[in-house]
């Protein structure tokens, strides 16, 4: 249950950090890249049974 909530939260953070506004396009994908990496780690941990 905790793993599912964590993955949903990370997906929402990933969507929210995409650079879609004109002022944030210059930032690149660094914010969403870090959150995407955390999402991948959380999915692997969930599948491995660590969470």
N, C-alpha and C. Protein backbone atom coordinates (compact mmCIF):
# COMPACT_ATOMS: atom_id res chain seq x y z
N UNK A 1 0.82 -1.19 0.00
CA UNK A 1 0.00 0.00 0.00
C UNK A 1 0.87 1.26 0.00
N UNK A 2 1.89 1.25 0.84
CA UNK A 2 2.79 2.41 0.90
C UNK A 2 3.53 2.58 -0.41
N UNK A 3 3.90 1.47 -1.04
CA UNK A 3 4.61 1.54 -2.32
C UNK A 3 3.74 2.14 -3.41
N UNK A 4 2.46 1.79 -3.42
CA UNK A 4 1.54 2.33 -4.42
C UNK A 4 1.36 3.82 -4.24
N UNK A 5 1.23 4.26 -3.01
CA UNK A 5 1.09 5.69 -2.74
C UNK A 5 2.36 6.44 -3.15
N UNK A 6 3.51 5.84 -2.88
CA UNK A 6 4.78 6.45 -3.25
C UNK A 6 4.92 6.58 -4.75
N UNK A 7 4.53 5.56 -5.49
CA UNK A 7 4.63 5.62 -6.95
C UNK A 7 3.66 6.65 -7.52
N UNK A 8 2.45 6.71 -7.00
CA UNK A 8 1.49 7.71 -7.47
C UNK A 8 2.00 9.12 -7.19
N UNK A 9 2.56 9.33 -6.02
CA UNK A 9 3.11 10.63 -5.67
C UNK A 9 4.28 11.01 -6.59
N UNK A 10 5.16 10.07 -6.88
CA UNK A 10 6.28 10.35 -7.77
C UNK A 10 5.83 10.62 -9.20
N UNK A 11 4.79 9.93 -9.66
CA UNK A 11 4.26 10.20 -11.00
C UNK A 11 3.68 11.60 -11.07
N UNK A 12 2.95 12.01 -10.05
CA UNK A 12 2.40 13.37 -10.03
C UNK A 12 3.50 14.42 -9.99
N UNK A 13 4.57 14.15 -9.22
CA UNK A 13 5.69 15.08 -9.19
C UNK A 13 6.40 15.14 -10.54
N UNK A 14 6.51 14.02 -11.22
CA UNK A 14 7.14 13.98 -12.53
C UNK A 14 6.35 14.79 -13.54
N UNK A 15 5.04 14.65 -13.54
CA UNK A 15 4.19 15.42 -14.45
C UNK A 15 4.26 16.91 -14.11
N UNK A 16 4.28 17.23 -12.83
CA UNK A 16 4.34 18.63 -12.42
C UNK A 16 5.66 19.31 -12.69
N UNK A 17 6.72 18.54 -12.87
CA UNK A 17 8.03 19.17 -13.07
C UNK A 17 8.43 19.28 -14.53
N UNK A 18 7.58 18.85 -15.44
CA UNK A 18 7.91 18.98 -16.86
C UNK A 18 7.93 20.46 -17.26
N UNK A 19 8.91 20.87 -18.05
CA UNK A 19 9.04 22.30 -18.42
C UNK A 19 8.07 22.68 -19.54
N UNK A 20 6.83 22.99 -19.19
CA UNK A 20 5.84 23.34 -20.20
C UNK A 20 5.57 24.84 -20.26
N UNK A 21 5.95 25.58 -19.23
CA UNK A 21 5.72 27.01 -19.23
C UNK A 21 6.91 27.72 -19.88
N UNK A 22 6.69 28.86 -20.52
CA UNK A 22 7.79 29.52 -21.24
C UNK A 22 8.99 29.87 -20.34
N UNK A 23 8.75 30.26 -19.10
CA UNK A 23 9.87 30.65 -18.25
C UNK A 23 10.68 29.47 -17.77
N UNK A 24 10.11 28.27 -17.80
CA UNK A 24 10.84 27.10 -17.30
C UNK A 24 11.45 26.26 -18.41
N UNK A 25 11.24 26.62 -19.67
CA UNK A 25 11.80 25.82 -20.76
C UNK A 25 13.32 25.91 -20.79
N UNK A 26 13.87 26.99 -20.31
CA UNK A 26 15.32 27.14 -20.28
C UNK A 26 15.98 26.28 -19.22
N UNK A 27 15.21 25.78 -18.28
CA UNK A 27 15.76 24.96 -17.21
C UNK A 27 16.13 23.57 -17.72
N UNK A 28 15.49 23.11 -18.78
CA UNK A 28 15.75 21.77 -19.29
C UNK A 28 14.97 20.73 -18.51
N UNK A 29 15.43 19.51 -18.60
CA UNK A 29 14.72 18.40 -17.98
C UNK A 29 15.41 17.91 -16.71
N UNK A 30 16.20 18.74 -16.07
CA UNK A 30 16.94 18.27 -14.89
C UNK A 30 16.00 17.92 -13.74
N UNK A 31 14.99 18.72 -13.49
CA UNK A 31 14.05 18.43 -12.41
C UNK A 31 13.26 17.16 -12.64
N UNK A 32 12.73 17.02 -13.85
CA UNK A 32 11.94 15.83 -14.14
C UNK A 32 12.84 14.61 -14.29
N UNK A 33 14.09 14.81 -14.67
CA UNK A 33 15.01 13.68 -14.78
C UNK A 33 15.32 13.06 -13.43
N UNK A 34 15.51 13.91 -12.43
CA UNK A 34 15.79 13.42 -11.08
C UNK A 34 14.57 12.70 -10.51
N UNK A 35 13.39 13.28 -10.71
CA UNK A 35 12.17 12.64 -10.20
C UNK A 35 11.89 11.36 -10.97
N UNK A 36 12.19 11.34 -12.27
CA UNK A 36 12.02 10.12 -13.05
C UNK A 36 12.94 9.01 -12.57
N UNK A 37 14.16 9.37 -12.20
CA UNK A 37 15.09 8.39 -11.65
C UNK A 37 14.58 7.82 -10.33
N UNK A 38 14.04 8.69 -9.48
CA UNK A 38 13.46 8.22 -8.23
C UNK A 38 12.26 7.31 -8.48
N UNK A 39 11.48 7.62 -9.51
CA UNK A 39 10.33 6.79 -9.86
C UNK A 39 10.78 5.41 -10.31
N UNK A 40 11.82 5.34 -11.12
CA UNK A 40 12.34 4.05 -11.58
C UNK A 40 12.86 3.24 -10.41
N UNK A 41 13.58 3.89 -9.49
CA UNK A 41 14.09 3.19 -8.31
C UNK A 41 12.94 2.67 -7.45
N UNK A 42 11.89 3.47 -7.30
CA UNK A 42 10.74 3.04 -6.50
C UNK A 42 10.02 1.87 -7.15
N UNK A 43 9.90 1.87 -8.47
CA UNK A 43 9.24 0.76 -9.17
C UNK A 43 10.07 -0.52 -9.03
N UNK A 44 11.39 -0.40 -9.16
CA UNK A 44 12.25 -1.58 -9.00
C UNK A 44 12.16 -2.10 -7.57
N UNK A 45 12.14 -1.20 -6.59
CA UNK A 45 12.04 -1.64 -5.19
C UNK A 45 10.69 -2.30 -4.93
N UNK A 46 9.65 -1.79 -5.54
CA UNK A 46 8.31 -2.39 -5.38
C UNK A 46 8.26 -3.77 -5.99
N UNK A 47 8.84 -3.91 -7.18
CA UNK A 47 8.83 -5.22 -7.84
C UNK A 47 9.72 -6.23 -7.12
N UNK A 48 10.79 -5.75 -6.50
CA UNK A 48 11.69 -6.65 -5.78
C UNK A 48 11.16 -6.99 -4.39
N UNK A 49 10.14 -6.29 -3.94
CA UNK A 49 9.54 -6.58 -2.65
C UNK A 49 10.20 -5.84 -1.49
N UNK A 50 10.99 -4.83 -1.77
CA UNK A 50 11.65 -4.06 -0.72
C UNK A 50 10.70 -3.07 -0.06
N UNK A 51 9.67 -2.66 -0.78
CA UNK A 51 8.71 -1.69 -0.23
C UNK A 51 7.43 -2.43 0.11
